[in-house]
C-alpha atoms as a PDB file:
ATOM      1  CA  MET A   1       2.856  -2.375   4.755  1.00  0.00           C
ATOM      2  CA  PRO A   2      -0.723  -1.311   4.840  1.00  0.00           C
ATOM      3  CA  HIS A   3      -3.004  -2.098   1.945  1.00  0.00           C
ATOM      4  CA  PHE A   4      -5.909  -0.123   0.569  1.00  0.00           C
ATOM      5  CA  ARG A   5      -9.248  -1.840   0.699  1.00  0.00           C
ATOM      6  CA  VAL A   6     -12.246  -0.479  -1.164  1.00  0.00           C
ATOM      7  CA  ALA A   7     -14.833  -2.664   0.571  1.00  0.00           C
ATOM      8  CA  GLU A   8     -14.619  -1.024   3.970  1.00  0.00           C
ATOM      9  CA  SER A   9     -13.584   2.518   4.746  1.00  0.00           C
ATOM     10  CA  ARG A  10     -11.280   3.228   7.660  1.00  0.00           C
ATOM     11  CA  ALA A  11     -13.972   5.289   9.340  1.00  0.00           C
ATOM     12  CA  GLN A  12     -16.386   2.358   9.303  1.00  0.00           C
ATOM     13  CA  HIS A  13     -13.633   0.001  10.368  1.00  0.00           C
ATOM     14  CA  TYR A  14     -12.617   2.048  13.389  1.00  0.00           C
ATOM     15  CA  SER A  15     -16.131   2.616  14.632  1.00  0.00           C
ATOM     16  CA  SER A  16     -17.202  -1.011  14.205  1.00  0.00           C
ATOM     17  CA  VAL A  17     -14.071  -2.596  15.687  1.00  0.00           C
ATOM     18  CA  MET A  18     -13.769  -0.400  18.725  1.00  0.00           C
ATOM     19  CA  SER A  19     -17.048  -0.977  20.514  1.00  0.00           C
ATOM     20  CA  ARG A  20     -16.808   0.550  23.990  1.00  0.00           C
ATOM     21  CA  ALA A  21     -18.970  -2.256  25.344  1.00  0.00           C
ATOM     22  CA  PHE A  22     -16.152  -4.728  24.764  1.00  0.00           C
ATOM     23  CA  ILE A  23     -12.961  -2.693  24.975  1.00  0.00           C
ATOM     24  CA  LYS A  24     -12.039  -0.385  27.809  1.00  0.00           C
ATOM     25  CA  GLU A  25      -8.631   1.213  27.509  1.00  0.00           C
ATOM     26  CA  SER A  26      -7.196   3.875  29.718  1.00  0.00           C
ATOM     27  CA  ASP A  27      -5.965   7.197  28.412  1.00  0.00           C
ATOM     28  CA  GLU A  28      -2.515   6.069  29.513  1.00  0.00           C
ATOM     29  CA  SER A  29      -2.391   3.095  27.107  1.00  0.00           C
ATOM     30  CA  ALA A  30      -3.817   5.233  24.293  1.00  0.00           C
ATOM     31  CA  GLN A  31      -0.925   7.667  24.687  1.00  0.00           C
ATOM     32  CA  SER A  32       1.705   4.908  24.496  1.00  0.00           C
ATOM     33  CA  LEU A  33       0.868   3.652  21.012  1.00  0.00           C
ATOM     34  CA  PRO A  34       3.980   3.111  18.912  1.00  0.00           C
ATOM     35  CA  GLU A  35       4.244   5.102  15.700  1.00  0.00           C
ATOM     36  CA  ARG A  36       3.722   3.235  12.455  1.00  0.00           C
ATOM     37  CA  ALA A  37       7.014   2.509  10.721  1.00  0.00           C
ATOM     38  CA  ILE A  38       7.879   4.660   7.728  1.00  0.00           C
ATOM     39  CA  SER A  39       9.917   3.049   4.980  1.00  0.00           C
ATOM     40  CA  GLN A  40      13.382   4.414   4.294  1.00  0.00           C
ATOM     41  CA  GLN A  41      12.789   3.985   0.539  1.00  0.00           C
ATOM     42  CA  PRO A  42      11.673   6.933  -1.600  1.00  0.00           C
ATOM     43  CA  ASN A  43       7.884   7.142  -1.488  1.00  0.00           C
ATOM     44  CA  LEU A  44       7.172   6.513  -5.168  1.00  0.00           C
ATOM     45  CA  VAL A  45       3.485   6.266  -6.043  1.00  0.00           C
ATOM     46  CA  THR A  46       1.291   6.004  -9.108  1.00  0.00           C
ATOM     47  CA  ALA A  47      -1.353   8.674  -9.700  1.00  0.00           C
ATOM     48  CA  ASP A  48      -3.950   6.190  -8.372  1.00  0.00           C
ATOM     49  CA  GLY A  49      -1.767   5.570  -5.328  1.00  0.00           C
ATOM     50  CA  LEU A  50      -1.718   9.272  -4.474  1.00  0.00           C
ATOM     51  CA  LYS A  51      -5.516   9.417  -4.763  1.00  0.00           C
ATOM     52  CA  LYS A  52      -5.797   6.460  -2.376  1.00  0.00           C
ATOM     53  CA  ILE A  53      -3.483   8.130   0.134  1.00  0.00           C
ATOM     54  CA  GLU A  54      -5.557  11.322  -0.032  1.00  0.00           C
ATOM     55  CA  THR A  55      -8.753   9.297   0.466  1.00  0.00           C
ATOM     56  CA  GLN A  56      -7.169   7.570   3.453  1.00  0.00           C
ATOM     57  CA  VAL A  57      -6.339  10.948   5.048  1.00  0.00           C
ATOM     58  CA  ARG A  58      -9.876  12.274   4.504  1.00  0.00           C
ATOM     59  CA  GLU A  59     -11.465   9.121   5.952  1.00  0.00           C
ATOM     60  CA  LEU A  60      -9.230   9.223   9.015  1.00  0.00           C
ATOM     61  CA  GLU A  61      -9.989  12.907   9.601  1.00  0.00           C
ATOM     62  CA  SER A  62     -13.690  12.094   9.483  1.00  0.00           C
ATOM     63  CA  ALA A  63     -13.261   9.098  11.796  1.00  0.00           C
ATOM     64  CA  ARG A  64     -11.276  11.244  14.240  1.00  0.00           C
ATOM     65  CA  GLU A  65     -14.088  13.784  14.441  1.00  0.00           C
ATOM     66  CA  ALA A  66     -16.625  11.016  15.086  1.00  0.00           C
ATOM     67  CA  ALA A  67     -14.408   9.517  17.808  1.00  0.00           C
ATOM     68  CA  ARG A  68     -13.952  12.942  19.414  1.00  0.00           C
ATOM     69  CA  LYS A  69     -17.734  13.426  19.521  1.00  0.00           C
ATOM     70  CA  GLU A  70     -17.979  10.087  21.342  1.00  0.00           C
ATOM     71  CA  SER A  71     -15.166  11.159  23.704  1.00  0.00           C
ATOM     72  CA  ASP A  72     -13.356   7.936  22.850  1.00  0.00           C
ATOM     73  CA  THR A  73      -9.781   8.930  23.685  1.00  0.00           C
ATOM     74  CA  ALA A  74      -8.273   5.515  22.939  1.00  0.00           C
ATOM     75  CA  LEU A  75      -9.841   5.480  19.486  1.00  0.00           C
ATOM     76  CA  VAL A  76      -8.821   9.096  18.858  1.00  0.00           C
ATOM     77  CA  ALA A  77      -5.217   8.195  19.726  1.00  0.00           C
ATOM     78  CA  ARG A  78      -5.194   5.247  17.306  1.00  0.00           C
ATOM     79  CA  ILE A  79      -6.743   7.290  14.517  1.00  0.00           C
ATOM     80  CA  GLU A  80      -4.328  10.177  15.097  1.00  0.00           C
ATOM     81  CA  ARG A  81      -1.378   7.781  14.916  1.00  0.00           C
ATOM     82  CA  ASP A  82      -2.647   6.435  11.584  1.00  0.00           C
ATOM     83  CA  LEU A  83      -3.386   9.966  10.402  1.00  0.00           C
ATOM     84  CA  ARG A  84       0.209  11.003  11.168  1.00  0.00           C
ATOM     85  CA  TYR A  85       1.440   8.060   9.104  1.00  0.00           C
ATOM     86  CA  TRP A  86      -0.751   8.813   6.086  1.00  0.00           C
ATOM     87  CA  THR A  87      -0.129  12.560   6.286  1.00  0.00           C
ATOM     88  CA  ARG A  88       3.626  11.903   6.146  1.00  0.00           C
ATOM     89  CA  ARG A  89       3.145   9.496   3.257  1.00  0.00           C
ATOM     90  CA  ARG A  90       1.123  12.124   1.385  1.00  0.00           C
ATOM     91  CA  ALA A  91       3.761  14.790   2.055  1.00  0.00           C
ATOM     92  CA  THR A  92       6.599  12.592   0.785  1.00  0.00           C
ATOM     93  CA  ALA A  93       4.760  10.991  -2.145  1.00  0.00           C
ATOM     94  CA  ARG A  94       6.485  11.346  -5.510  1.00  0.00           C
ATOM     95  CA  VAL A  95       4.113  10.557  -8.351  1.00  0.00           C
ATOM     96  CA  VAL A  96       5.887   8.627 -11.092  1.00  0.00           C
ATOM     97  CA  PRO A  97       4.178   9.008 -14.464  1.00  0.00           C
ATOM     98  CA  PRO A  98       3.842   5.919 -16.648  1.00  0.00           C
ATOM     99  CA  PRO A  99       6.954   5.368 -18.773  1.00  0.00           C
ATOM    100  CA  ALA A 100       6.774   6.705 -22.331  1.00  0.00           C
ATOM    101  CA  LYS A 101       8.404   3.538 -23.707  1.00  0.00           C
ATOM    102  CA  LEU A 102       7.503   0.040 -22.594  1.00  0.00           C
ATOM    103  CA  ASP A 103      10.832  -1.504 -23.477  1.00  0.00           C
ATOM    104  CA  ARG A 104      11.913  -2.440 -19.929  1.00  0.00           C
ATOM    105  CA  VAL A 105      10.293  -3.289 -16.597  1.00  0.00           C
ATOM    106  CA  ARG A 106       9.964  -0.067 -14.630  1.00  0.00           C
ATOM    107  CA  PHE A 107       7.838   1.429 -11.865  1.00  0.00           C
ATOM    108  CA  GLY A 108       4.145   1.443 -12.848  1.00  0.00           C
ATOM    109  CA  VAL A 109       4.515  -1.190 -15.578  1.00  0.00           C
ATOM    110  CA  ARG A 110       2.441  -4.364 -15.664  1.00  0.00           C
ATOM    111  CA  VAL A 111       4.639  -7.410 -16.283  1.00  0.00           C
ATOM    112  CA  SER A 112       3.198 -10.646 -17.676  1.00  0.00           C
ATOM    113  CA  LEU A 113       5.178 -13.792 -16.924  1.00  0.00           C
ATOM    114  CA  HIS A 114       5.022 -17.357 -18.198  1.00  0.00           C
ATOM    115  CA  PHE A 115       6.601 -19.943 -15.905  1.00  0.00           C
ATOM    116  CA  LYS A 116       8.194 -23.131 -17.202  1.00  0.00           C
ATOM    117  CA  ASP A 117       5.504 -25.183 -15.408  1.00  0.00           C
ATOM    118  CA  GLY A 118       2.808 -23.456 -17.486  1.00  0.00           C
ATOM    119  CA  ARG A 119       1.607 -20.936 -14.894  1.00  0.00           C
ATOM    120  CA  LYS A 120       0.991 -17.377 -16.017  1.00  0.00           C
ATOM    121  CA  LEU A 121       1.170 -14.417 -13.666  1.00  0.00           C
ATOM    122  CA  ALA A 122       0.987 -10.670 -14.121  1.00  0.00           C
ATOM    123  CA  PHE A 123       2.040  -7.953 -11.691  1.00  0.00           C
ATOM    124  CA  ARG A 124       2.104  -4.177 -11.760  1.00  0.00           C
ATOM    125  CA  LEU A 125       4.974  -2.540  -9.874  1.00  0.00           C
ATOM    126  CA  VAL A 126       3.562   0.146  -7.594  1.00  0.00           C
ATOM    127  CA  GLY A 127       4.351   2.103  -4.438  1.00  0.00           C
ATOM    128  CA  GLU A 128       4.764   0.364  -1.097  1.00  0.00           C
ATOM    129  CA  ASP A 129       1.415   1.545   0.267  1.00  0.00           C
ATOM    130  CA  GLU A 130      -0.360   0.511  -2.947  1.00  0.00           C
ATOM    131  CA  ALA A 131       0.925  -3.059  -2.888  1.00  0.00           C
ATOM    132  CA  ASP A 132      -1.701  -5.778  -2.858  1.00  0.00           C
ATOM    133  CA  PRO A 133      -0.261  -9.037  -4.232  1.00  0.00           C
ATOM    134  CA  ALA A 134      -3.681 -10.716  -4.383  1.00  0.00           C
ATOM    135  CA  ALA A 135      -4.764  -7.939  -6.770  1.00  0.00           C
ATOM    136  CA  GLY A 136      -1.575  -8.201  -8.838  1.00  0.00           C
ATOM    137  CA  LEU A 137       0.040  -5.086  -7.322  1.00  0.00           C
ATOM    138  CA  LEU A 138       3.613  -5.568  -6.098  1.00  0.00           C
ATOM    139  CA  SER A 139       5.740  -3.090  -4.236  1.00  0.00           C
ATOM    140  CA  TRP A 140       8.577  -1.774  -6.351  1.00  0.00           C
ATOM    141  CA  VAL A 141      10.961  -2.647  -3.481  1.00  0.00           C
ATOM    142  CA  SER A 142       9.866  -6.297  -3.196  1.00  0.00           C
ATOM    143  CA  PRO A 143      12.292  -9.100  -4.080  1.00  0.00           C
ATOM    144  CA  VAL A 144      10.143 -10.068  -7.079  1.00  0.00           C
ATOM    145  CA  ALA A 145      10.188  -6.488  -8.384  1.00  0.00           C
ATOM    146  CA  ASP A 146      13.935  -6.367  -7.825  1.00  0.00           C
ATOM    147  CA  ALA A 147      14.394  -9.462  -9.999  1.00  0.00           C
ATOM    148  CA  LEU A 148      12.180  -7.999 -12.740  1.00  0.00           C
ATOM    149  CA  MET A 149      13.412  -4.391 -12.791  1.00  0.00           C
ATOM    150  CA  ASN A 150      15.058  -3.331 -16.079  1.00  0.00           C
ATOM    151  CA  GLN A 151      14.314  -6.666 -17.772  1.00  0.00           C
ATOM    152  CA  ALA A 152      12.696  -6.784 -21.235  1.00  0.00           C
ATOM    153  CA  VAL A 153      10.177  -8.974 -23.062  1.00  0.00           C
ATOM    154  CA  GLY A 154      11.840 -12.303 -23.820  1.00  0.00           C
ATOM    155  CA  ASP A 155      14.169 -12.148 -20.815  1.00  0.00           C
ATOM    156  CA  GLU A 156      14.093 -15.004 -18.343  1.00  0.00           C
ATOM    157  CA  VAL A 157      14.228 -14.409 -14.597  1.00  0.00           C
ATOM    158  CA  GLU A 158      14.461 -16.611 -11.523  1.00  0.00           C
ATOM    159  CA  LEU A 159      11.394 -16.079  -9.321  1.00  0.00           C
ATOM    160  CA  MET A 160      10.300 -18.111  -6.342  1.00  0.00           C
ATOM    161  CA  GLY A 161      12.756 -20.852  -7.265  1.00  0.00           C
ATOM    162  CA  GLN A 162      11.493 -21.177 -10.834  1.00  0.00           C
ATOM    163  CA  ARG A 163      12.389 -19.761 -14.231  1.00  0.00           C
ATOM    164  CA  ALA A 164       9.889 -17.429 -15.856  1.00  0.00           C
ATOM    165  CA  GLU A 165       9.897 -15.591 -19.156  1.00  0.00           C
ATOM    166  CA  ILE A 166       8.662 -12.028 -19.476  1.00  0.00           C
ATOM    167  CA  VAL A 167       6.034 -12.237 -22.227  1.00  0.00           C
ATOM    168  CA  ALA A 168       4.471  -8.754 -22.139  1.00  0.00           C
ATOM    169  CA  LEU A 169       4.789  -5.261 -20.679  1.00  0.00           C
ATOM    170  CA  ASP A 170       1.882  -2.832 -20.471  1.00  0.00           C
END
């Protein structure tokens, strides 16, 4: 699934990557781009996740206008495909508020784990499009999230072939 990156906006990305001096695509290939796959899971998002989706849509709309001004039909086609994806994700997004009680692992909760080998990890369970494991954000439909869901502090779970104890929820 796609990940949000703060460092580089989509508009900058599209205009820098698609230099016409190096890439020449016909209108025919631009029209045959496959659609981006949409998950069959409910599109649960955090409030931050919805904001990121809305930002993505705005940036793509801006990038599309810039590509149209340049008459770059291949770039316009790619941007429009991505815009269709993000527009659908925005339309189907269901914001899940943080749980009132932090007694169990649920969507939006940050889970702190202590592995038997001494490692400590923490993950927040978020929507599929928000997931960024390197930043500690795991999709709520990932295998790790599945193993953690509905567990409580003190419970032990099997993750990545090792036992880990849930030591905190926030």
